[in-house]
């Protein structure tokens, strides 16, 4: 497998080096959390002569005897060197029983710079405050971006071809090792099934996975559509799956906590306030959608919108769905003092479609940048102050 450096994530973790936080590397399964940790260890080893690296990988049988929090704590304490900078790295930390007691105790000693990764069944975003009593900070890792995909397949120079492949293959880089589509899809299905049938069932002791699986498929099929637990439960019940809005709401939360989906709230552009009504859900990686559902009910425009949403999050933006009177703007992206208004479309060659995309943007009466991202296959150009980007080119822009 080609090794691709991920400088954005590496810089993020380097910026946190030596801070008193417990650094928790999170993200959907197989997004590259462990590889980031190992790359960071190599960076420290190469740059610091006085570094004492204490590394535990619970997928490695040689650490089998540490799967009790007392044993883990005593092992790390036994390797402490007061004459050096002491770094603690624990990969797949959830395999140690009551791991949080050991990590919290080590953190309280103020002797270590601590980094952990783990299965999302046990490091769900909603659990972190409960697990870690000391200060912690998340380093969230997404699957490969389109730019990383292009670096992986650097022998191919046709950007349009690469983009079409990326939409289908997605960013779970472990799947790239397989030569056939059949094996690649099987890999992604296995990752997805592990999250649904093992991680979430184990975590929440679910009686069966039928409702959860059908709910997840419904959400994949309705990426970028405004929805709510009530609407989804009504639809599933109509299709002979007996459920209710409370169960659906809980299951959506489980899927989002495991980073399979991300919920995006609405933002009233005119009133400058956040709305609590219906939410849009986006899949962490489009490859999962194609592996699970194939090309059934395929809408490339919605897949492009999904890719843009995840890319904005990857670049550190808070992402919202914009509401302006009765019109909608696909995304309002906020990052510090920055604000972007973005429309995403498959094809804007039709004057009617182009007008549908630019009209809401022209009605926004502030000076923040306004963008339309589409498969134009042309250079970037302006229309009434709106930047029109070829979507693959925008995805390849350096931040």
Protein backbone atom coordinates (compact mmCIF):
# COMPACT_ATOMS: atom_id res chain seq x y z
CA UNK A 1 0.00 0.00 0.00
CA UNK A 2 1.28 3.48 -0.84
CA UNK A 3 1.97 5.62 2.22
CA UNK A 4 0.51 9.11 1.86
CA UNK A 5 1.55 11.84 4.26
CA UNK A 6 -1.31 13.80 5.79
CA UNK A 7 0.34 17.13 6.64
CA UNK A 8 -2.83 18.85 7.88
CA UNK A 9 -3.43 16.25 10.57
CA UNK A 10 0.26 16.05 11.38
CA UNK A 11 0.44 19.81 11.90
CA UNK A 12 -2.65 19.66 14.12
CA UNK A 13 -1.08 17.06 16.37
CA UNK A 14 2.29 18.85 16.37
CA UNK A 15 0.55 22.04 17.50
CA UNK A 16 -0.73 20.12 20.54
CA UNK A 17 2.61 18.56 21.48
CA UNK A 18 3.40 19.13 25.14
CA UNK A 19 0.02 20.59 26.06
CA UNK A 20 -1.57 19.20 29.24
CA UNK A 21 -4.53 17.68 27.37
CA UNK A 22 -5.18 13.99 26.78
CA UNK A 23 -5.07 13.86 22.98
CA UNK A 24 -7.79 11.57 21.60
CA UNK A 25 -7.59 10.66 17.92
CA UNK A 26 -11.13 10.01 16.69
CA UNK A 27 -12.84 9.21 13.40
CA UNK A 28 -14.81 6.54 11.60
CA UNK A 29 -13.24 3.06 11.47
CA UNK A 30 -10.34 2.70 9.01
CA UNK A 31 -9.97 6.44 8.50
CA UNK A 32 -6.26 6.35 9.42
CA UNK A 33 -6.16 7.05 13.16
CA UNK A 34 -3.51 4.43 13.98
CA UNK A 35 -1.38 5.40 10.97
CA UNK A 36 -1.42 9.04 12.09
CA UNK A 37 -0.29 8.00 15.56
CA UNK A 38 2.57 5.91 14.15
CA UNK A 39 3.65 8.70 11.78
CA UNK A 40 3.71 11.12 14.71
CA UNK A 41 5.85 8.71 16.75
CA UNK A 42 8.32 8.55 13.86
CA UNK A 43 8.40 12.34 13.71
CA UNK A 44 9.20 12.60 17.44
CA UNK A 45 11.84 9.88 17.26
CA UNK A 46 13.59 11.61 14.35
CA UNK A 47 13.53 15.09 15.89
CA UNK A 48 14.05 14.58 19.64
CA UNK A 49 17.06 12.86 21.20
CA UNK A 50 15.53 13.05 24.67
CA UNK A 51 12.15 11.47 23.84
CA UNK A 52 11.01 8.44 25.80
CA UNK A 53 8.30 6.75 23.70
CA UNK A 54 5.98 4.40 25.61
CA UNK A 55 3.78 2.65 23.05
CA UNK A 56 1.05 0.06 23.61
CA UNK A 57 -0.90 -1.50 20.72
CA UNK A 58 -3.64 -3.73 22.07
CA UNK A 59 -4.02 -5.42 18.68
CA UNK A 60 -0.51 -6.82 19.25
CA UNK A 61 -0.51 -10.02 21.34
CA UNK A 62 2.67 -9.03 23.16
CA UNK A 63 0.58 -6.52 25.13
CA UNK A 64 -2.10 -9.11 26.02
CA UNK A 65 -1.11 -9.07 29.70
CA UNK A 66 -1.86 -5.33 29.93
CA UNK A 67 -5.60 -5.65 29.31
CA UNK A 68 -6.37 -4.62 32.87
CA UNK A 69 -6.09 -1.01 33.92
CA UNK A 70 -3.78 -1.79 36.86
CA UNK A 71 -1.39 -3.67 34.57
CA UNK A 72 -1.46 -0.89 31.96
CA UNK A 73 -0.79 1.76 34.59
CA UNK A 74 2.07 -0.19 36.19
CA UNK A 75 3.65 -0.96 32.81
CA UNK A 76 3.74 2.69 31.79
CA UNK A 77 4.94 3.86 35.20
CA UNK A 78 7.71 1.26 35.04
CA UNK A 79 8.99 2.77 31.78
CA UNK A 80 8.93 6.39 32.98
CA UNK A 81 12.30 8.15 32.63
CA UNK A 82 12.57 11.40 34.64
CA UNK A 83 15.55 12.54 32.55
CA UNK A 84 13.55 12.56 29.29
CA UNK A 85 10.32 13.82 27.71
CA UNK A 86 7.84 11.02 28.30
CA UNK A 87 5.22 10.29 25.63
CA UNK A 88 2.46 7.72 26.09
CA UNK A 89 0.68 6.25 23.05
CA UNK A 90 -2.10 3.68 23.47
CA UNK A 91 -3.67 2.27 20.31
CA UNK A 92 -7.06 0.49 20.52
CA UNK A 93 -7.31 1.55 24.15
CA UNK A 94 -10.82 0.10 24.56
CA UNK A 95 -9.36 -3.43 24.73
CA UNK A 96 -8.06 -2.64 28.21
CA UNK A 97 -10.77 -3.07 30.85
CA UNK A 98 -11.52 0.24 32.60
CA UNK A 99 -8.80 1.93 30.55
CA UNK A 100 -10.07 5.38 31.56
CA UNK A 101 -8.95 4.82 35.17
CA UNK A 102 -5.36 4.22 34.07
CA UNK A 103 -5.33 7.11 31.56
CA UNK A 104 -6.85 9.58 34.01
CA UNK A 105 -4.38 8.60 36.73
CA UNK A 106 -1.40 8.94 34.39
CA UNK A 107 -2.71 12.31 33.22
CA UNK A 108 -3.12 13.54 36.80
CA UNK A 109 0.57 12.85 37.48
CA UNK A 110 1.52 15.52 34.88
CA UNK A 111 4.51 13.41 33.84
CA UNK A 112 3.33 12.31 30.40
CA UNK A 113 2.18 13.66 27.06
CA UNK A 114 -0.70 11.24 26.37
CA UNK A 115 -2.27 10.14 23.05
CA UNK A 116 -4.93 7.46 22.57
CA UNK A 117 -7.01 5.93 19.77
CA UNK A 118 -9.77 3.39 20.01
CA UNK A 119 -12.84 1.79 18.53
CA UNK A 120 -15.68 4.23 18.21
CA UNK A 121 -17.93 1.86 20.14
CA UNK A 122 -16.00 2.90 23.23
CA UNK A 123 -14.74 6.36 22.30
CA UNK A 124 -17.98 7.80 20.99
CA UNK A 125 -18.04 11.59 20.94
CA UNK A 126 -20.83 11.64 23.52
CA UNK A 127 -18.79 9.54 25.97
CA UNK A 128 -15.55 11.50 26.12
CA UNK A 129 -16.58 13.89 28.90
CA UNK A 130 -17.69 10.96 31.06
CA UNK A 131 -14.60 8.83 30.39
CA UNK A 132 -11.90 11.43 30.83
CA UNK A 133 -12.10 13.54 33.96
CA UNK A 134 -8.99 15.50 33.00
CA UNK A 135 -8.86 17.94 30.12
CA UNK A 136 -8.94 16.25 26.71
CA UNK A 137 -8.93 17.41 23.13
CA UNK A 138 -10.06 15.58 19.99
CA UNK A 139 -8.01 15.26 16.83
CA UNK A 140 -10.66 14.20 14.36
CA UNK A 141 -9.54 12.20 11.32
CA UNK A 142 -11.66 11.89 8.19
CA UNK A 143 -11.22 9.36 5.37
CA UNK A 144 -8.98 10.41 2.47
CA UNK A 145 -9.85 13.68 0.78
CA UNK A 146 -9.90 13.95 -3.00
CA UNK A 147 -6.47 15.61 -2.84
CA UNK A 148 -5.10 12.64 -0.88
CA UNK A 149 -6.79 10.24 -3.32
CA UNK A 150 -4.98 11.99 -6.20
CA UNK A 151 -1.65 11.71 -4.39
CA UNK A 152 -2.25 8.00 -3.84
CA UNK A 153 -3.00 7.47 -7.54
CA UNK A 154 -0.32 9.91 -8.67
CA UNK A 155 0.42 7.95 -11.86
CA UNK A 156 -2.99 9.00 -13.21
CA UNK A 157 -2.97 12.62 -14.43
CA UNK A 158 -6.59 12.90 -15.63
CA UNK A 159 -8.27 14.82 -12.78
CA UNK A 160 -11.76 14.30 -14.16
CA UNK A 161 -11.27 10.53 -14.29
CA UNK A 162 -9.84 10.52 -10.77
CA UNK A 163 -12.78 12.52 -9.45
CA UNK A 164 -15.31 10.15 -11.00
CA UNK A 165 -13.47 7.24 -9.36
CA UNK A 166 -13.25 9.02 -6.00
CA UNK A 167 -17.02 9.54 -5.85
CA UNK A 168 -17.48 5.77 -6.17
CA UNK A 169 -14.46 4.45 -4.26
CA UNK A 170 -14.51 7.00 -1.45
CA UNK A 171 -11.70 7.67 1.00
CA UNK A 172 -11.27 4.45 3.03
CA UNK A 173 -7.71 3.93 1.83
CA UNK A 174 -7.48 0.30 2.96
CA UNK A 175 -9.84 -0.57 0.11
CA UNK A 176 -7.35 0.76 -2.47
CA UNK A 177 -5.12 -2.28 -1.94
CA UNK A 178 -7.59 -4.55 -3.71
CA UNK A 179 -7.31 -5.05 -7.46
CA UNK A 180 -10.95 -5.82 -8.20
CA UNK A 181 -14.09 -3.82 -7.49
CA UNK A 182 -15.60 -6.91 -5.91
CA UNK A 183 -12.84 -7.18 -3.28
CA UNK A 184 -12.71 -3.42 -2.72
CA UNK A 185 -16.46 -3.27 -2.10
CA UNK A 186 -16.24 -6.32 0.18
CA UNK A 187 -13.61 -4.53 2.30
CA UNK A 188 -15.81 -1.44 2.73
CA UNK A 189 -18.86 -3.57 3.54
CA UNK A 190 -16.87 -5.39 6.21
CA UNK A 191 -15.84 -2.08 7.79
CA UNK A 192 -19.43 -0.85 7.74
CA UNK A 193 -20.85 -4.12 9.06
CA UNK A 194 -18.33 -4.09 11.91
CA UNK A 195 -19.55 -0.66 12.98
CA UNK A 196 -23.23 -1.61 12.77
CA UNK A 197 -23.23 -5.24 13.89
CA UNK A 198 -20.41 -5.23 16.41
CA UNK A 199 -19.55 -1.74 17.63
CA UNK A 200 -23.04 -0.32 18.08
CA UNK A 201 -24.74 -3.59 19.04
CA UNK A 202 -22.09 -4.17 21.72
CA UNK A 203 -22.18 -0.62 23.01
CA UNK A 204 -25.95 -0.29 23.27
CA UNK A 205 -26.92 -3.97 23.68
CA UNK A 206 -29.36 -3.73 20.78
CA UNK A 207 -31.81 -6.66 20.51
CA UNK A 208 -31.40 -6.79 16.72
CA UNK A 209 -29.95 -4.66 13.94
CA UNK A 210 -32.84 -4.67 11.46
CA UNK A 211 -34.15 -1.22 12.34
CA UNK A 212 -30.64 0.24 12.62
CA UNK A 213 -29.58 -1.17 9.24
CA UNK A 214 -32.73 0.01 7.46
CA UNK A 215 -32.45 3.43 9.08
CA UNK A 216 -28.82 3.78 7.95
CA UNK A 217 -29.77 2.76 4.40
CA UNK A 218 -32.63 5.27 4.41
CA UNK A 219 -30.22 8.01 5.51
CA UNK A 220 -27.72 7.05 2.79
CA UNK A 221 -30.52 7.20 0.23
CA UNK A 222 -31.61 10.62 1.51
CA UNK A 223 -28.29 12.37 1.95
CA UNK A 224 -28.80 16.17 1.84
CA UNK A 225 -32.58 15.96 2.37
CA UNK A 226 -34.02 17.78 5.37
CA UNK A 227 -35.50 15.23 7.71
CA UNK A 228 -36.45 14.46 11.32
CA UNK A 229 -36.96 11.33 13.49
CA UNK A 230 -40.74 11.72 13.10
CA UNK A 231 -40.55 11.76 9.29
CA UNK A 232 -38.14 8.83 9.18
CA UNK A 233 -40.15 6.70 11.63
CA UNK A 234 -43.31 7.34 9.60
CA UNK A 235 -41.53 6.27 6.40
CA UNK A 236 -40.02 3.13 7.94
CA UNK A 237 -43.35 2.16 9.52
CA UNK A 238 -45.08 2.60 6.17
CA UNK A 239 -42.50 0.17 4.75
CA UNK A 240 -43.45 -2.45 7.39
CA UNK A 241 -40.64 -1.69 9.88
CA UNK A 242 -42.40 -1.12 13.19
CA UNK A 243 -40.61 1.67 15.03
CA UNK A 244 -41.19 5.11 16.58
CA UNK A 245 -39.57 8.54 16.56
CA UNK A 246 -37.82 7.98 19.91
CA UNK A 247 -36.06 4.82 18.71
CA UNK A 248 -35.17 6.48 15.40
CA UNK A 249 -33.80 9.53 17.22
CA UNK A 250 -31.62 7.34 19.44
CA UNK A 251 -30.34 5.30 16.51
CA UNK A 252 -29.48 8.44 14.52
CA UNK A 253 -27.48 9.63 17.52
CA UNK A 254 -25.64 6.30 17.69
CA UNK A 255 -24.73 6.51 13.99
CA UNK A 256 -23.51 10.10 14.37
CA UNK A 257 -21.53 9.33 17.54
CA UNK A 258 -19.77 6.54 15.63
CA UNK A 259 -18.97 9.10 12.86
CA UNK A 260 -20.89 7.18 10.19
CA UNK A 261 -23.06 10.27 9.64
CA UNK A 262 -22.74 13.97 10.47
CA UNK A 263 -25.79 16.09 11.22
CA UNK A 264 -25.93 19.63 9.79
CA UNK A 265 -28.34 22.12 11.33
CA UNK A 266 -30.11 24.99 9.60
CA UNK A 267 -29.04 28.63 9.82
CA UNK A 268 -31.39 31.56 9.16
CA UNK A 269 -29.21 33.86 7.04
CA UNK A 270 -31.51 36.87 7.34
CA UNK A 271 -32.15 36.51 11.06
CA UNK A 272 -28.61 35.32 11.78
CA UNK A 273 -29.78 32.57 14.11
CA UNK A 274 -29.60 28.79 14.29
CA UNK A 275 -32.79 26.81 13.78
CA UNK A 276 -33.75 23.70 15.74
CA UNK A 277 -36.03 22.23 13.09
CA UNK A 278 -35.16 19.52 10.55
CA UNK A 279 -31.54 18.46 10.05
CA UNK A 280 -29.60 17.23 7.01
CA UNK A 281 -27.39 14.17 7.43
CA UNK A 282 -24.25 13.50 5.43
CA UNK A 283 -22.34 10.23 5.17
CA UNK A 284 -18.73 10.16 6.35
CA UNK A 285 -17.65 8.64 3.04
CA UNK A 286 -19.45 8.16 -0.27
CA UNK A 287 -17.67 4.84 -0.78
CA UNK A 288 -19.85 3.36 1.97
CA UNK A 289 -22.98 4.38 0.09
CA UNK A 290 -21.90 2.70 -3.13
CA UNK A 291 -20.64 -0.42 -1.33
CA UNK A 292 -23.93 -0.79 0.52
CA UNK A 293 -26.54 0.40 -2.00
CA UNK A 294 -24.75 0.34 -5.34
CA UNK A 295 -26.23 2.78 -7.85
CA UNK A 296 -29.80 2.45 -6.59
CA UNK A 297 -31.61 5.81 -6.65
CA UNK A 298 -28.29 7.45 -7.47
CA UNK A 299 -28.20 11.24 -7.53
CA UNK A 300 -24.71 12.53 -8.32
CA UNK A 301 -25.66 16.05 -7.24
CA UNK A 302 -26.34 14.81 -3.73
CA UNK A 303 -23.11 12.80 -3.70
CA UNK A 304 -21.19 15.94 -4.67
CA UNK A 305 -22.95 17.85 -1.92
CA UNK A 306 -21.93 15.13 0.54
CA UNK A 307 -18.29 15.36 -0.57
CA UNK A 308 -18.28 19.16 -0.20
CA UNK A 309 -19.81 18.98 3.28
CA UNK A 310 -17.16 16.56 4.55
CA UNK A 311 -14.40 18.58 2.86
CA UNK A 312 -15.55 21.76 4.61
CA UNK A 313 -15.48 19.93 7.95
CA UNK A 314 -12.05 18.54 7.11
CA UNK A 315 -10.86 22.11 6.52
CA UNK A 316 -12.08 23.13 9.96
CA UNK A 317 -15.34 24.93 9.12
CA UNK A 318 -18.54 24.74 11.11
CA UNK A 319 -21.13 23.80 8.50
CA UNK A 320 -24.81 24.76 8.37
CA UNK A 321 -27.64 24.62 5.86
CA UNK A 322 -28.65 28.16 4.92
CA UNK A 323 -32.27 29.36 4.95
CA UNK A 324 -33.20 32.65 3.28
CA UNK A 325 -36.91 33.37 3.18
CA UNK A 326 -38.30 30.32 1.32
CA UNK A 327 -35.05 29.57 -0.46
CA UNK A 328 -32.16 27.41 0.64
CA UNK A 329 -28.39 27.75 0.37
CA UNK A 330 -26.64 24.40 0.48
CA UNK A 331 -23.98 25.46 2.97
CA UNK A 332 -23.06 28.33 5.23
CA UNK A 333 -19.49 27.61 6.37
CA UNK A 334 -17.99 29.44 9.37
CA UNK A 335 -14.37 29.44 10.53
CA UNK A 336 -13.30 32.21 12.87
CA UNK A 337 -14.09 35.48 11.10
CA UNK A 338 -14.59 33.70 7.76
CA UNK A 339 -17.96 32.94 6.24
CA UNK A 340 -18.71 31.22 2.92
CA UNK A 341 -22.01 30.71 1.15
CA UNK A 342 -21.89 27.66 -1.12
CA UNK A 343 -24.19 26.06 -3.68
CA UNK A 344 -23.33 22.61 -5.07
CA UNK A 345 -24.66 21.19 -8.32
CA UNK A 346 -23.96 18.35 -10.73
CA UNK A 347 -24.47 20.29 -13.98
CA UNK A 348 -25.20 24.01 -14.45
CA UNK A 349 -25.11 24.12 -18.25
CA UNK A 350 -28.90 24.57 -18.34
CA UNK A 351 -29.79 28.28 -17.83
CA UNK A 352 -32.71 27.25 -15.63
CA UNK A 353 -30.50 25.14 -13.37
CA UNK A 354 -27.83 27.84 -13.21
CA UNK A 355 -30.44 30.43 -12.21
CA UNK A 356 -31.75 28.11 -9.49
CA UNK A 357 -28.25 27.94 -8.01
CA UNK A 358 -27.22 31.59 -8.24
CA UNK A 359 -30.56 33.21 -7.35
CA UNK A 360 -30.42 32.53 -3.57
CA UNK A 361 -26.81 33.73 -3.43
CA UNK A 362 -27.63 37.04 -5.14
CA UNK A 363 -30.31 37.68 -2.52
CA UNK A 364 -27.75 37.59 0.31
CA UNK A 365 -26.86 41.21 1.00
CA UNK A 366 -23.47 40.94 2.66
CA UNK A 367 -19.91 40.90 1.32
CA UNK A 368 -18.85 37.40 2.32
CA UNK A 369 -17.67 35.11 -0.52
CA UNK A 370 -20.33 33.24 -2.49
CA UNK A 371 -19.46 30.10 -4.45
CA UNK A 372 -21.09 27.68 -6.86
CA UNK A 373 -19.30 24.33 -7.09
CA UNK A 374 -20.25 22.16 -10.06
CA UNK A 375 -18.82 19.78 -12.60
CA UNK A 376 -18.16 22.62 -15.06
CA UNK A 377 -14.87 21.23 -16.48
CA UNK A 378 -13.85 24.87 -17.01
CA UNK A 379 -11.57 27.38 -15.36
CA UNK A 380 -12.95 29.38 -12.44
CA UNK A 381 -15.01 32.39 -13.49
CA UNK A 382 -17.23 35.08 -11.95
CA UNK A 383 -20.94 35.73 -12.32
CA UNK A 384 -22.30 38.85 -10.59
CA UNK A 385 -19.66 38.50 -7.88
CA UNK A 386 -20.22 34.76 -7.43
CA UNK A 387 -17.20 32.49 -8.00
CA UNK A 388 -18.05 29.50 -10.20
CA UNK A 389 -15.63 26.63 -9.55
CA UNK A 390 -15.09 23.33 -11.25
CA UNK A 391 -15.71 21.07 -8.24
CA UNK A 392 -12.59 18.86 -8.56
CA UNK A 393 -10.42 21.99 -8.81
CA UNK A 394 -11.95 23.45 -5.65
CA UNK A 395 -11.37 20.16 -3.81
CA UNK A 396 -7.69 20.29 -4.83
CA UNK A 397 -7.20 23.85 -3.59
CA UNK A 398 -4.59 24.20 -0.87
CA UNK A 399 -5.81 25.81 2.31
